[in-house]
Amino acid sequence: IAFGEQDGFDLVFECTGAEPCIQMSI
């Protein structure tokens, strides 16, 4: 919402390996 991309992004790079971020990336 903050980014104005409510539908999501075309491509997501998950560069942390942190479990919550992996979940969020989906």
PDB file of all heavy atoms in Angstrom:
ATOM      1  N   ILE A   1       0.843  -1.204   0.000  1.00  0.00           N
ATOM      2  CA  ILE A   1       0.000   0.000   0.000  1.00  0.00           C
ATOM      3  C   ILE A   1       0.874   1.248   0.000  1.00  0.00           C
ATOM      4  O   ILE A   1       0.621   2.211  -0.740  1.00  0.00           O
ATOM      5  CB  ILE A   1      -0.950  -0.009   1.218  1.00  0.00           C
ATOM      6  CG1 ILE A   1      -1.995  -1.119   1.067  1.00  0.00           C
ATOM      7  CG2 ILE A   1      -1.618   1.347   1.396  1.00  0.00           C
ATOM      8  CD1 ILE A   1      -2.857  -1.325   2.288  1.00  0.00           C
ATOM      9  N   ALA A   2       1.923   1.243   0.822  1.00  0.00           N
ATOM     10  CA  ALA A   2       2.828   2.392   0.876  1.00  0.00           C
ATOM     11  C   ALA A   2       3.509   2.630  -0.472  1.00  0.00           C
ATOM     12  O   ALA A   2       3.746   3.776  -0.869  1.00  0.00           O
ATOM     13  CB  ALA A   2       3.877   2.165   1.968  1.00  0.00           C
ATOM     14  N   PHE A   3       3.807   1.559  -1.185  1.00  0.00           N
ATOM     15  CA  PHE A   3       4.447   1.685  -2.496  1.00  0.00           C
ATOM     16  C   PHE A   3       3.439   1.998  -3.604  1.00  0.00           C
ATOM     17  O   PHE A   3       3.839   2.312  -4.729  1.00  0.00           O
ATOM     18  CB  PHE A   3       5.181   0.386  -2.859  1.00  0.00           C
ATOM     19  CG  PHE A   3       6.379   0.090  -2.005  1.00  0.00           C
ATOM     20  CD1 PHE A   3       6.681  -1.219  -1.632  1.00  0.00           C
ATOM     21  CD2 PHE A   3       7.235   1.104  -1.588  1.00  0.00           C
ATOM     22  CE1 PHE A   3       7.791  -1.509  -0.856  1.00  0.00           C
ATOM     23  CE2 PHE A   3       8.348   0.819  -0.806  1.00  0.00           C
ATOM     24  CZ  PHE A   3       8.633  -0.483  -0.437  1.00  0.00           C
ATOM     25  N   GLY A   4       2.145   1.863  -3.313  1.00  0.00           N
ATOM     26  CA  GLY A   4       1.135   2.040  -4.356  1.00  0.00           C
ATOM     27  C   GLY A   4       1.103   0.889  -5.329  1.00  0.00           C
ATOM     28  O   GLY A   4       0.750   1.047  -6.498  1.00  0.00           O
ATOM     29  N   GLU A   5       1.498  -0.293  -4.859  1.00  0.00           N
ATOM     30  CA  GLU A   5       1.553  -1.497  -5.700  1.00  0.00           C
ATOM     31  C   GLU A   5       0.736  -2.606  -5.030  1.00  0.00           C
ATOM     32  O   GLU A   5       1.232  -3.701  -4.759  1.00  0.00           O
ATOM     33  CB  GLU A   5       3.003  -1.955  -5.884  1.00  0.00           C
ATOM     34  CG  GLU A   5       3.909  -0.958  -6.566  1.00  0.00           C
ATOM     35  CD  GLU A   5       3.724  -0.904  -8.080  1.00  0.00           C
ATOM     36  OE1 GLU A   5       2.930  -1.711  -8.612  1.00  0.00           O
ATOM     37  OE2 GLU A   5       4.368  -0.050  -8.717  1.00  0.00           O
ATOM     38  N   GLN A   6      -0.550  -2.326  -4.774  1.00  0.00           N
ATOM     39  CA  GLN A   6      -1.366  -3.269  -4.010  1.00  0.00           C
ATOM     40  C   GLN A   6      -1.445  -4.648  -4.643  1.00  0.00           C
ATOM     41  O   GLN A   6      -1.632  -5.658  -3.941  1.00  0.00           O
ATOM     42  CB  GLN A   6      -2.778  -2.702  -3.831  1.00  0.00           C
ATOM     43  CG  GLN A   6      -2.884  -1.565  -2.825  1.00  0.00           C
ATOM     44  CD  GLN A   6      -2.660  -0.198  -3.456  1.00  0.00           C
ATOM     45  OE1 GLN A   6      -1.977  -0.081  -4.467  1.00  0.00           O
ATOM     46  NE2 GLN A   6      -3.234   0.837  -2.859  1.00  0.00           N
ATOM     47  N   ASP A   7      -1.303  -4.729  -5.951  1.00  0.00           N
ATOM     48  CA  ASP A   7      -1.375  -6.026  -6.625  1.00  0.00           C
ATOM     49  C   ASP A   7      -0.056  -6.789  -6.557  1.00  0.00           C
ATOM     50  O   ASP A   7       0.003  -7.974  -6.922  1.00  0.00           O
ATOM     51  CB  ASP A   7      -1.783  -5.852  -8.093  1.00  0.00           C
ATOM     52  CG  ASP A   7      -3.224  -5.403  -8.235  1.00  0.00           C
ATOM     53  OD1 ASP A   7      -4.020  -5.694  -7.321  1.00  0.00           O
ATOM     54  OD2 ASP A   7      -3.540  -4.756  -9.253  1.00  0.00           O
ATOM     55  N   GLY A   8       1.003  -6.144  -6.116  1.00  0.00           N
ATOM     56  CA  GLY A   8       2.297  -6.792  -6.017  1.00  0.00           C
ATOM     57  C   GLY A   8       3.252  -6.395  -7.125  1.00  0.00           C
ATOM     58  O   GLY A   8       2.908  -5.618  -8.030  1.00  0.00           O
ATOM     59  N   PHE A   9       4.471  -6.931  -7.057  1.00  0.00           N
ATOM     60  CA  PHE A   9       5.527  -6.607  -8.015  1.00  0.00           C
ATOM     61  C   PHE A   9       5.736  -7.776  -8.983  1.00  0.00           C
ATOM     62  O   PHE A   9       5.497  -8.932  -8.651  1.00  0.00           O
ATOM     63  CB  PHE A   9       6.832  -6.318  -7.270  1.00  0.00           C
ATOM     64  CG  PHE A   9       6.840  -5.002  -6.551  1.00  0.00           C
ATOM     65  CD1 PHE A   9       6.143  -4.830  -5.361  1.00  0.00           C
ATOM     66  CD2 PHE A   9       7.549  -3.921  -7.065  1.00  0.00           C
ATOM     67  CE1 PHE A   9       6.158  -3.617  -4.688  1.00  0.00           C
ATOM     68  CE2 PHE A   9       7.568  -2.693  -6.405  1.00  0.00           C
ATOM     69  CZ  PHE A   9       6.867  -2.540  -5.217  1.00  0.00           C
ATOM     70  N   ASP A  10       6.216  -7.438 -10.181  1.00  0.00           N
ATOM     71  CA  ASP A  10       6.449  -8.473 -11.190  1.00  0.00           C
ATOM     72  C   ASP A  10       7.538  -9.447 -10.747  1.00  0.00           C
ATOM     73  O   ASP A  10       7.462 -10.655 -11.006  1.00  0.00           O
ATOM     74  CB  ASP A  10       6.864  -7.835 -12.519  1.00  0.00           C
ATOM     75  CG  ASP A  10       5.781  -6.944 -13.100  1.00  0.00           C
ATOM     76  OD1 ASP A  10       4.619  -7.375 -13.106  1.00  0.00           O
ATOM     77  OD2 ASP A  10       6.115  -5.809 -13.530  1.00  0.00           O
ATOM     78  N   LEU A  11       8.568  -8.911 -10.084  1.00  0.00           N
ATOM     79  CA  LEU A  11       9.723  -9.730  -9.710  1.00  0.00           C
ATOM     80  C   LEU A  11      10.156  -9.366  -8.297  1.00  0.00           C
ATOM     81  O   LEU A  11      10.256  -8.180  -7.964  1.00  0.00           O
ATOM     82  CB  LEU A  11      10.877  -9.483 -10.694  1.00  0.00           C
ATOM     83  CG  LEU A  11      12.110 -10.370 -10.585  1.00  0.00           C
ATOM     84  CD1 LEU A  11      11.785 -11.801 -10.979  1.00  0.00           C
ATOM     85  CD2 LEU A  11      13.235  -9.835 -11.476  1.00  0.00           C
ATOM     86  N   VAL A  12      10.394 -10.382  -7.469  1.00  0.00           N
ATOM     87  CA  VAL A  12      10.808 -10.160  -6.088  1.00  0.00           C
ATOM     88  C   VAL A  12      12.131 -10.871  -5.839  1.00  0.00           C
ATOM     89  O   VAL A  12      12.256 -12.082  -6.071  1.00  0.00           O
ATOM     90  CB  VAL A  12       9.746 -10.673  -5.089  1.00  0.00           C
ATOM     91  CG1 VAL A  12      10.220 -10.442  -3.651  1.00  0.00           C
ATOM     92  CG2 VAL A  12       8.408  -9.989  -5.323  1.00  0.00           C
ATOM     93  N   PHE A  13      13.133 -10.109  -5.373  1.00  0.00           N
ATOM     94  CA  PHE A  13      14.408 -10.686  -4.935  1.00  0.00           C
ATOM     95  C   PHE A  13      14.368 -10.798  -3.412  1.00  0.00           C
ATOM     96  O   PHE A  13      14.298  -9.768  -2.725  1.00  0.00           O
ATOM     97  CB  PHE A  13      15.588  -9.793  -5.325  1.00  0.00           C
ATOM     98  CG  PHE A  13      15.966  -9.834  -6.769  1.00  0.00           C
ATOM     99  CD1 PHE A  13      15.432  -8.918  -7.677  1.00  0.00           C
ATOM    100  CD2 PHE A  13      16.871 -10.768  -7.243  1.00  0.00           C
ATOM    101  CE1 PHE A  13      15.791  -8.933  -9.003  1.00  0.00           C
ATOM    102  CE2 PHE A  13      17.242 -10.798  -8.569  1.00  0.00           C
ATOM    103  CZ  PHE A  13      16.698  -9.889  -9.459  1.00  0.00           C
ATOM    104  N   GLU A  14      14.412 -12.002  -2.867  1.00  0.00           N
ATOM    105  CA  GLU A  14      14.464 -12.193  -1.423  1.00  0.00           C
ATOM    106  C   GLU A  14      15.934 -12.414  -1.061  1.00  0.00           C
ATOM    107  O   GLU A  14      16.495 -13.465  -1.331  1.00  0.00           O
ATOM    108  CB  GLU A  14      13.606 -13.396  -1.019  1.00  0.00           C
ATOM    109  CG  GLU A  14      13.170 -13.375   0.442  1.00  0.00           C
ATOM    110  CD  GLU A  14      14.330 -13.359   1.412  1.00  0.00           C
ATOM    111  OE1 GLU A  14      15.096 -14.344   1.437  1.00  0.00           O
ATOM    112  OE2 GLU A  14      14.513 -12.353   2.135  1.00  0.00           O
ATOM    113  N   CYS A  15      16.544 -11.405  -0.440  1.00  0.00           N
ATOM    114  CA  CYS A  15      17.990 -11.416  -0.213  1.00  0.00           C
ATOM    115  C   CYS A  15      18.370 -11.512   1.256  1.00  0.00           C
ATOM    116  O   CYS A  15      19.498 -11.192   1.629  1.00  0.00           O
ATOM    117  CB  CYS A  15      18.622 -10.161  -0.828  1.00  0.00           C
ATOM    118  SG  CYS A  15      18.365  -9.994  -2.607  1.00  0.00           S
ATOM    119  N   THR A  16      17.435 -11.946   2.108  1.00  0.00           N
ATOM    120  CA  THR A  16      17.743 -12.024   3.537  1.00  0.00           C
ATOM    121  C   THR A  16      17.886 -13.459   4.029  1.00  0.00           C
ATOM    122  O   THR A  16      18.694 -13.734   4.909  1.00  0.00           O
ATOM    123  CB  THR A  16      16.645 -11.348   4.376  1.00  0.00           C
ATOM    124  OG1 THR A  16      15.456 -12.153   4.354  1.00  0.00           O
ATOM    125  CG2 THR A  16      16.324  -9.960   3.844  1.00  0.00           C
ATOM    126  N   GLY A  17      17.088 -14.368   3.500  1.00  0.00           N
ATOM    127  CA  GLY A  17      17.058 -15.731   4.010  1.00  0.00           C
ATOM    128  C   GLY A  17      16.238 -15.864   5.278  1.00  0.00           C
ATOM    129  O   GLY A  17      16.069 -16.968   5.799  1.00  0.00           O
ATOM    130  N   ALA A  18      15.708 -14.729   5.773  1.00  0.00           N
ATOM    131  CA  ALA A  18      14.909 -14.757   7.004  1.00  0.00           C
ATOM    132  C   ALA A  18      13.526 -15.338   6.698  1.00  0.00           C
ATOM    133  O   ALA A  18      12.885 -14.953   5.717  1.00  0.00           O
ATOM    134  CB  ALA A  18      14.777 -13.354   7.576  1.00  0.00           C
ATOM    135  N   GLU A  19      13.080 -16.231   7.553  1.00  0.00           N
ATOM    136  CA  GLU A  19      11.817 -16.932   7.312  1.00  0.00           C
ATOM    137  C   GLU A  19      10.631 -15.982   7.094  1.00  0.00           C
ATOM    138  O   GLU A  19       9.858 -16.172   6.146  1.00  0.00           O
ATOM    139  CB  GLU A  19      11.546 -17.883   8.480  1.00  0.00           C
ATOM    140  CG  GLU A  19      10.402 -18.849   8.240  1.00  0.00           C
ATOM    141  CD  GLU A  19      10.284 -19.877   9.357  1.00  0.00           C
ATOM    142  OE1 GLU A  19      11.320 -20.202   9.982  1.00  0.00           O
ATOM    143  OE2 GLU A  19       9.165 -20.330   9.612  1.00  0.00           O
ATOM    144  N   PRO A  20      10.451 -14.923   7.913  1.00  0.00           N
ATOM    145  CA  PRO A  20       9.325 -14.013   7.667  1.00  0.00           C
ATOM    146  C   PRO A  20       9.397 -13.327   6.306  1.00  0.00           C
ATOM    147  O   PRO A  20       8.377 -13.104   5.664  1.00  0.00           O
ATOM    148  CB  PRO A  20       9.432 -12.997   8.814  1.00  0.00           C
ATOM    149  CG  PRO A  20      10.199 -13.694   9.876  1.00  0.00           C
ATOM    150  CD  PRO A  20      11.171 -14.579   9.156  1.00  0.00           C
ATOM    151  N   CYS A  21      10.622 -12.993   5.869  1.00  0.00           N
ATOM    152  CA  CYS A  21      10.770 -12.314   4.581  1.00  0.00           C
ATOM    153  C   CYS A  21      10.485 -13.262   3.418  1.00  0.00           C
ATOM    154  O   CYS A  21       9.951 -12.852   2.393  1.00  0.00           O
ATOM    155  CB  CYS A  21      12.167 -11.713   4.452  1.00  0.00           C
ATOM    156  SG  CYS A  21      12.445 -10.306   5.550  1.00  0.00           S
ATOM    157  N   ILE A  22      10.854 -14.524   3.582  1.00  0.00           N
ATOM    158  CA  ILE A  22      10.512 -15.510   2.552  1.00  0.00           C
ATOM    159  C   ILE A  22       9.000 -15.612   2.434  1.00  0.00           C
ATOM    160  O   ILE A  22       8.435 -15.645   1.324  1.00  0.00           O
ATOM    161  CB  ILE A  22      11.138 -16.879   2.876  1.00  0.00           C
ATOM    162  CG1 ILE A  22      12.662 -16.796   2.818  1.00  0.00           C
ATOM    163  CG2 ILE A  22      10.632 -17.953   1.910  1.00  0.00           C
ATOM    164  CD1 ILE A  22      13.371 -18.049   3.290  1.00  0.00           C
ATOM    165  N   GLN A  23       8.313 -15.631   3.584  1.00  0.00           N
ATOM    166  CA  GLN A  23       6.852 -15.672   3.564  1.00  0.00           C
ATOM    167  C   GLN A  23       6.277 -14.415   2.923  1.00  0.00           C
ATOM    168  O   GLN A  23       5.354 -14.484   2.106  1.00  0.00           O
ATOM    169  CB  GLN A  23       6.337 -15.843   4.998  1.00  0.00           C
ATOM    170  CG  GLN A  23       6.711 -17.173   5.620  1.00  0.00           C
ATOM    171  CD  GLN A  23       6.536 -17.178   7.134  1.00  0.00           C
ATOM    172  OE1 GLN A  23       6.341 -16.141   7.749  1.00  0.00           O
ATOM    173  NE2 GLN A  23       6.631 -18.371   7.727  1.00  0.00           N
ATOM    174  N   MET A  24       6.829 -13.260   3.270  1.00  0.00           N
ATOM    175  CA  MET A  24       6.331 -11.998   2.715  1.00  0.00           C
ATOM    176  C   MET A  24       6.583 -11.901   1.216  1.00  0.00           C
ATOM    177  O   MET A  24       5.781 -11.307   0.481  1.00  0.00           O
ATOM    178  CB  MET A  24       6.989 -10.821   3.430  1.00  0.00           C
ATOM    179  CG  MET A  24       6.391 -10.530   4.790  1.00  0.00           C
ATOM    180  SD  MET A  24       7.048  -9.009   5.525  1.00  0.00           S
ATOM    181  CE  MET A  24       8.600  -9.603   6.171  1.00  0.00           C
ATOM    182  N   SER A  25       7.711 -12.454   0.767  1.00  0.00           N
ATOM    183  CA  SER A  25       8.051 -12.328  -0.650  1.00  0.00           C
ATOM    184  C   SER A  25       7.008 -12.969  -1.550  1.00  0.00           C
ATOM    185  O   SER A  25       6.734 -12.476  -2.650  1.00  0.00           O
ATOM    186  CB  SER A  25       9.433 -12.928  -0.920  1.00  0.00           C
ATOM    187  OG  SER A  25       9.427 -14.335  -0.712  1.00  0.00           O
ATOM    188  N   ILE A  26       6.410 -14.062  -1.082  1.00  0.00           N
ATOM    189  CA  ILE A  26       5.371 -14.715  -1.874  1.00  0.00           C
ATOM    190  C   ILE A  26       4.186 -13.780  -2.055  1.00  0.00           C
ATOM    191  O   ILE A  26       3.646 -13.620  -3.165  1.00  0.00           O
ATOM    192  CB  ILE A  26       4.912 -16.029  -1.206  1.00  0.00           C
ATOM    193  CG1 ILE A  26       6.110 -16.948  -0.947  1.00  0.00           C
ATOM    194  CG2 ILE A  26       3.856 -16.721  -2.036  1.00  0.00           C
ATOM    195  CD1 ILE A  26       6.847 -17.374  -2.179  1.00  0.00           C
TER     196      ILE A  26
END
